């Protein structure tokens, strides 16, 4: 029973890592596939509407997948995500402490008058 629970825990972690990648690919390729379908089997008027959409917008979106993919993979790594959070929290904490140490210098002027 314990082995099965461990298996499901590992499987859920893998699904959580793969889900953003799947959503990225589907969000780009499903609209592009629908537009290709309409450009192939549609009427001439439909082709005149769909082809500029494919050429101007959706044709270049498939390159965006390659740009975003490494960041999704890094975000899916739980150990790396916790390490990044600790680094960022330490950085922000250091900035807050540095800001708290700022003191106005208006009252620190000393006058040395020797008569």
N, C-alpha and C. Protein backbone atom coordinates (compact mmCIF):
# COMPACT_ATOMS: atom_id res chain seq x y z
N UNK A 1 0.83 -1.20 0.00
CA UNK A 1 0.00 0.00 0.00
C UNK A 1 0.86 1.25 0.00
N UNK A 2 1.95 1.21 0.77
CA UNK A 2 2.84 2.36 0.85
C UNK A 2 3.55 2.59 -0.48
N UNK A 3 3.91 1.50 -1.15
CA UNK A 3 4.58 1.61 -2.44
C UNK A 3 3.65 2.24 -3.47
N UNK A 4 2.39 1.87 -3.44
CA UNK A 4 1.42 2.43 -4.38
C UNK A 4 1.22 3.93 -4.13
N UNK A 5 1.19 4.32 -2.87
CA UNK A 5 1.04 5.73 -2.53
C UNK A 5 2.25 6.52 -3.02
N UNK A 6 3.44 5.95 -2.87
CA UNK A 6 4.65 6.59 -3.38
C UNK A 6 4.60 6.74 -4.89
N UNK A 7 4.12 5.71 -5.58
CA UNK A 7 4.01 5.74 -7.03
C UNK A 7 3.08 6.87 -7.47
N UNK A 8 1.94 7.00 -6.80
CA UNK A 8 0.99 8.06 -7.18
C UNK A 8 1.56 9.44 -6.87
N UNK A 9 2.32 9.55 -5.78
CA UNK A 9 2.93 10.84 -5.45
C UNK A 9 3.91 11.26 -6.54
N UNK A 10 4.74 10.32 -7.00
CA UNK A 10 5.68 10.63 -8.08
C UNK A 10 4.94 10.93 -9.38
N UNK A 11 3.87 10.21 -9.64
CA UNK A 11 3.11 10.44 -10.87
C UNK A 11 2.45 11.81 -10.85
N UNK A 12 1.93 12.22 -9.72
CA UNK A 12 1.29 13.53 -9.63
C UNK A 12 2.32 14.64 -9.83
N UNK A 13 3.52 14.46 -9.28
CA UNK A 13 4.56 15.46 -9.49
C UNK A 13 4.93 15.57 -10.97
N UNK A 14 4.99 14.43 -11.66
CA UNK A 14 5.31 14.46 -13.08
C UNK A 14 4.18 15.11 -13.88
N UNK A 15 2.95 14.85 -13.50
CA UNK A 15 1.81 15.47 -14.19
C UNK A 15 1.82 16.97 -13.98
N UNK A 16 2.14 17.41 -12.77
CA UNK A 16 2.21 18.85 -12.49
C UNK A 16 3.31 19.50 -13.33
N UNK A 17 4.40 18.79 -13.57
CA UNK A 17 5.47 19.34 -14.39
C UNK A 17 5.09 19.37 -15.87
N UNK A 18 4.34 18.39 -16.32
CA UNK A 18 4.01 18.30 -17.75
C UNK A 18 2.78 19.12 -18.14
N UNK A 19 1.93 19.44 -17.19
CA UNK A 19 0.70 20.16 -17.50
C UNK A 19 0.93 21.54 -18.11
N UNK A 20 1.83 22.39 -17.59
CA UNK A 20 2.05 23.69 -18.26
C UNK A 20 2.60 23.55 -19.67
N UNK A 21 3.46 22.55 -19.89
CA UNK A 21 4.01 22.34 -21.23
C UNK A 21 2.91 21.91 -22.18
N UNK A 22 2.04 21.04 -21.72
CA UNK A 22 0.90 20.60 -22.53
C UNK A 22 -0.01 21.77 -22.87
N UNK A 23 -0.29 22.60 -21.88
CA UNK A 23 -1.17 23.75 -22.13
C UNK A 23 -0.54 24.73 -23.12
N UNK A 24 0.76 24.91 -23.05
CA UNK A 24 1.45 25.80 -23.99
C UNK A 24 1.32 25.28 -25.42
N UNK A 25 1.61 24.00 -25.62
CA UNK A 25 1.53 23.43 -26.96
C UNK A 25 0.09 23.46 -27.48
N UNK A 26 -0.85 23.09 -26.64
CA UNK A 26 -2.24 23.07 -27.10
C UNK A 26 -2.77 24.46 -27.40
N UNK A 27 -2.37 25.45 -26.61
CA UNK A 27 -2.87 26.80 -26.85
C UNK A 27 -2.35 27.38 -28.16
N UNK A 28 -1.23 26.89 -28.65
CA UNK A 28 -0.69 27.38 -29.91
C UNK A 28 -1.16 26.51 -31.08
N UNK A 29 -1.09 25.20 -30.94
CA UNK A 29 -1.31 24.33 -32.09
C UNK A 29 -2.77 24.07 -32.41
N UNK A 30 -3.67 24.09 -31.43
CA UNK A 30 -5.08 23.86 -31.75
C UNK A 30 -5.66 24.98 -32.60
N UNK A 31 -5.48 26.27 -32.25
CA UNK A 31 -5.99 27.31 -33.16
C UNK A 31 -5.32 27.28 -34.53
N UNK A 32 -4.03 26.98 -34.56
CA UNK A 32 -3.33 26.91 -35.83
C UNK A 32 -3.85 25.76 -36.69
N UNK A 33 -4.14 24.63 -36.07
CA UNK A 33 -4.69 23.48 -36.81
C UNK A 33 -6.08 23.78 -37.34
N UNK A 34 -6.89 24.47 -36.55
CA UNK A 34 -8.23 24.84 -37.02
C UNK A 34 -8.14 25.79 -38.21
N UNK A 35 -7.23 26.75 -38.13
CA UNK A 35 -7.07 27.67 -39.26
C UNK A 35 -6.54 26.96 -40.50
N UNK A 36 -5.62 26.01 -40.33
CA UNK A 36 -5.15 25.23 -41.48
C UNK A 36 -6.28 24.41 -42.09
N UNK A 37 -7.13 23.87 -41.24
CA UNK A 37 -8.27 23.10 -41.74
C UNK A 37 -9.18 23.99 -42.58
N UNK A 38 -9.49 25.19 -42.08
CA UNK A 38 -10.34 26.10 -42.84
C UNK A 38 -9.67 26.58 -44.12
N UNK A 39 -8.36 26.75 -44.09
CA UNK A 39 -7.68 27.19 -45.31
C UNK A 39 -7.61 26.08 -46.35
N UNK A 40 -7.62 24.82 -45.90
CA UNK A 40 -7.55 23.70 -46.84
C UNK A 40 -8.92 23.34 -47.39
N UNK A 41 -9.92 23.25 -46.53
CA UNK A 41 -11.23 22.75 -46.96
C UNK A 41 -12.29 23.84 -47.02
N UNK A 42 -11.95 25.07 -46.77
CA UNK A 42 -12.94 26.14 -46.75
C UNK A 42 -13.21 26.71 -48.13
N UNK A 43 -14.11 27.65 -48.16
CA UNK A 43 -14.44 28.33 -49.41
C UNK A 43 -13.35 29.36 -49.74
N UNK A 44 -13.45 29.92 -50.92
CA UNK A 44 -12.46 30.91 -51.35
C UNK A 44 -12.50 32.14 -50.44
N UNK A 45 -13.71 32.56 -50.05
CA UNK A 45 -13.84 33.72 -49.16
C UNK A 45 -13.22 33.42 -47.79
N UNK A 46 -13.44 32.20 -47.31
CA UNK A 46 -12.85 31.80 -46.04
C UNK A 46 -11.33 31.75 -46.10
N UNK A 47 -10.80 31.29 -47.24
CA UNK A 47 -9.34 31.25 -47.40
C UNK A 47 -8.76 32.65 -47.39
N UNK A 48 -9.48 33.59 -48.00
CA UNK A 48 -8.99 34.97 -48.03
C UNK A 48 -8.97 35.59 -46.63
N UNK A 49 -9.81 35.11 -45.75
CA UNK A 49 -9.82 35.61 -44.37
C UNK A 49 -8.78 34.90 -43.52
N UNK A 50 -8.66 33.59 -43.71
CA UNK A 50 -7.82 32.76 -42.84
C UNK A 50 -6.33 32.89 -43.16
N UNK A 51 -5.98 32.95 -44.41
CA UNK A 51 -4.56 32.96 -44.79
C UNK A 51 -3.79 34.16 -44.21
N UNK A 52 -4.35 35.38 -44.23
CA UNK A 52 -3.60 36.47 -43.57
C UNK A 52 -3.44 36.25 -42.06
N UNK A 53 -4.43 35.64 -41.42
CA UNK A 53 -4.29 35.34 -39.99
C UNK A 53 -3.15 34.37 -39.74
N UNK A 54 -3.07 33.35 -40.58
CA UNK A 54 -2.00 32.36 -40.42
C UNK A 54 -0.65 33.01 -40.67
N UNK A 55 -0.55 33.75 -41.76
CA UNK A 55 0.75 34.33 -42.13
C UNK A 55 1.20 35.42 -41.17
N UNK A 56 0.29 36.24 -40.70
CA UNK A 56 0.68 37.39 -39.88
C UNK A 56 0.81 37.06 -38.40
N UNK A 57 -0.08 36.25 -37.87
CA UNK A 57 -0.12 36.05 -36.41
C UNK A 57 0.24 34.63 -35.99
N UNK A 58 -0.57 33.69 -36.40
CA UNK A 58 -0.43 32.33 -35.87
C UNK A 58 0.77 31.59 -36.45
N UNK A 59 1.24 31.98 -37.60
CA UNK A 59 2.41 31.33 -38.17
C UNK A 59 3.66 31.56 -37.34
N UNK A 60 3.76 32.69 -36.69
CA UNK A 60 4.93 33.00 -35.87
C UNK A 60 4.78 32.56 -34.42
N UNK A 61 3.58 32.23 -34.00
CA UNK A 61 3.39 31.82 -32.60
C UNK A 61 4.06 30.49 -32.29
N UNK A 62 4.23 29.63 -33.29
CA UNK A 62 4.87 28.35 -33.01
C UNK A 62 6.33 28.52 -32.61
N UNK A 63 6.95 29.63 -33.00
CA UNK A 63 8.32 29.91 -32.56
C UNK A 63 8.34 30.41 -31.11
N UNK A 64 7.25 30.95 -30.67
CA UNK A 64 7.15 31.41 -29.29
C UNK A 64 7.18 30.23 -28.31
N UNK A 65 6.71 29.08 -28.76
CA UNK A 65 6.75 27.88 -27.92
C UNK A 65 8.19 27.55 -27.56
N UNK A 66 9.09 27.62 -28.53
CA UNK A 66 10.49 27.30 -28.27
C UNK A 66 11.15 28.31 -27.34
N UNK A 67 10.65 29.51 -27.32
CA UNK A 67 11.19 30.54 -26.44
C UNK A 67 10.72 30.35 -25.00
N UNK A 68 9.47 29.99 -24.82
CA UNK A 68 8.88 29.88 -23.48
C UNK A 68 9.16 28.52 -22.84
N UNK A 69 9.39 27.50 -23.64
CA UNK A 69 9.54 26.13 -23.14
C UNK A 69 10.61 25.98 -22.05
N UNK A 70 11.82 26.51 -22.19
CA UNK A 70 12.81 26.32 -21.11
C UNK A 70 12.38 26.92 -19.77
N UNK A 71 11.67 28.04 -19.82
CA UNK A 71 11.21 28.64 -18.57
C UNK A 71 10.13 27.79 -17.91
N UNK A 72 9.29 27.16 -18.70
CA UNK A 72 8.28 26.26 -18.12
C UNK A 72 8.93 25.04 -17.49
N UNK A 73 9.97 24.52 -18.13
CA UNK A 73 10.67 23.37 -17.57
C UNK A 73 11.34 23.75 -16.25
N UNK A 74 11.97 24.90 -16.21
CA UNK A 74 12.60 25.34 -14.96
C UNK A 74 11.57 25.59 -13.88
N UNK A 75 10.43 26.15 -14.25
CA UNK A 75 9.38 26.41 -13.28
C UNK A 75 8.79 25.10 -12.75
N UNK A 76 8.83 24.05 -13.55
CA UNK A 76 8.28 22.76 -13.13
C UNK A 76 9.16 22.01 -12.15
N UNK A 77 10.43 22.37 -12.05
CA UNK A 77 11.33 21.70 -11.13
C UNK A 77 11.09 22.24 -9.72
N UNK A 78 10.57 21.41 -8.85
CA UNK A 78 10.17 21.86 -7.52
C UNK A 78 11.38 22.30 -6.69
N UNK A 79 12.48 21.55 -6.77
CA UNK A 79 13.66 21.91 -5.99
C UNK A 79 14.21 23.25 -6.44
N UNK A 80 14.25 23.46 -7.73
CA UNK A 80 14.77 24.72 -8.26
C UNK A 80 13.84 25.88 -7.92
N UNK A 81 12.54 25.62 -7.95
CA UNK A 81 11.58 26.67 -7.61
C UNK A 81 11.74 27.12 -6.16
N UNK A 82 11.94 26.18 -5.24
CA UNK A 82 12.13 26.56 -3.83
C UNK A 82 13.45 27.30 -3.65
N UNK A 83 14.48 26.90 -4.38
CA UNK A 83 15.77 27.59 -4.27
C UNK A 83 15.66 29.02 -4.79
N UNK A 84 14.95 29.22 -5.88
CA UNK A 84 14.76 30.57 -6.43
C UNK A 84 13.96 31.43 -5.45
N UNK A 85 12.94 30.83 -4.83
CA UNK A 85 12.14 31.59 -3.86
C UNK A 85 12.98 32.02 -2.67
N UNK A 86 13.86 31.15 -2.18
CA UNK A 86 14.69 31.53 -1.05
C UNK A 86 15.69 32.61 -1.43
N UNK A 87 16.25 32.52 -2.62
CA UNK A 87 17.19 33.56 -3.08
C UNK A 87 16.48 34.89 -3.20
N UNK A 88 15.30 34.89 -3.80
CA UNK A 88 14.56 36.14 -3.96
C UNK A 88 14.10 36.70 -2.62
N UNK A 89 13.69 35.84 -1.71
CA UNK A 89 13.26 36.35 -0.40
C UNK A 89 14.44 36.93 0.37
N UNK A 90 15.62 36.30 0.26
CA UNK A 90 16.81 36.85 0.92
C UNK A 90 17.19 38.19 0.30
N UNK A 91 17.08 38.30 -0.99
CA UNK A 91 17.40 39.55 -1.68
C UNK A 91 16.45 40.66 -1.24
N UNK A 92 15.17 40.35 -1.19
CA UNK A 92 14.18 41.35 -0.77
C UNK A 92 14.36 41.72 0.70
N UNK A 93 14.69 40.75 1.52
CA UNK A 93 14.91 41.02 2.94
C UNK A 93 16.13 41.93 3.11
N UNK A 94 17.18 41.71 2.33
CA UNK A 94 18.37 42.56 2.40
C UNK A 94 18.03 43.98 1.99
N UNK A 95 17.22 44.14 0.96
CA UNK A 95 16.82 45.47 0.52
C UNK A 95 16.00 46.18 1.60
N UNK A 96 15.11 45.45 2.25
CA UNK A 96 14.29 46.06 3.31
C UNK A 96 15.16 46.51 4.47
N UNK A 97 16.15 45.69 4.84
CA UNK A 97 17.04 46.06 5.93
C UNK A 97 17.88 47.27 5.55
N UNK A 98 18.33 47.32 4.31
CA UNK A 98 19.14 48.45 3.87
C UNK A 98 18.32 49.73 3.86
N UNK A 99 17.07 49.65 3.50
CA UNK A 99 16.22 50.83 3.50
C UNK A 99 15.94 51.30 4.93
N UNK A 100 15.82 50.38 5.84
CA UNK A 100 15.52 50.75 7.22
C UNK A 100 16.71 51.45 7.87
N UNK A 101 17.91 51.24 7.36
CA UNK A 101 19.10 51.82 7.96
C UNK A 101 19.36 53.25 7.49
N UNK A 102 18.61 53.74 6.54
CA UNK A 102 18.83 55.10 6.04
C UNK A 102 18.34 56.10 7.08
N UNK A 103 19.21 57.04 7.44
CA UNK A 103 18.90 58.03 8.46
C UNK A 103 19.13 59.41 7.85
N UNK A 104 18.24 60.36 8.11
CA UNK A 104 18.46 61.70 7.56
C UNK A 104 19.67 62.37 8.22
N UNK A 105 20.39 63.13 7.45
CA UNK A 105 21.62 63.75 7.95
C UNK A 105 21.42 65.20 8.39
N UNK A 106 20.22 65.67 8.48
CA UNK A 106 19.99 67.08 8.82
C UNK A 106 20.35 67.41 10.26
N UNK A 107 20.24 66.47 11.16
CA UNK A 107 20.50 66.76 12.57
C UNK A 107 21.92 66.39 13.00
N UNK A 108 22.76 66.00 12.09
CA UNK A 108 24.09 65.54 12.48
C UNK A 108 25.17 66.58 12.25
N UNK A 109 24.80 67.78 11.90
CA UNK A 109 25.80 68.83 11.66
C UNK A 109 26.31 69.32 13.01
N UNK A 110 27.58 69.25 13.18
CA UNK A 110 28.18 69.72 14.42
C UNK A 110 28.86 71.05 14.17
N UNK A 111 28.69 71.94 15.12
CA UNK A 111 29.33 73.25 14.99
C UNK A 111 30.49 73.31 15.97
N UNK A 112 31.59 73.63 15.46
CA UNK A 112 32.77 73.81 16.30
C UNK A 112 33.13 75.29 16.29
N UNK A 113 32.77 75.93 17.33
CA UNK A 113 33.07 77.35 17.44
C UNK A 113 34.14 77.51 18.52
N UNK A 114 35.24 78.01 18.12
CA UNK A 114 36.34 78.25 19.07
C UNK A 114 36.56 79.75 19.17
N UNK A 115 36.42 80.27 20.35
CA UNK A 115 36.65 81.70 20.57
C UNK A 115 37.97 81.95 21.20
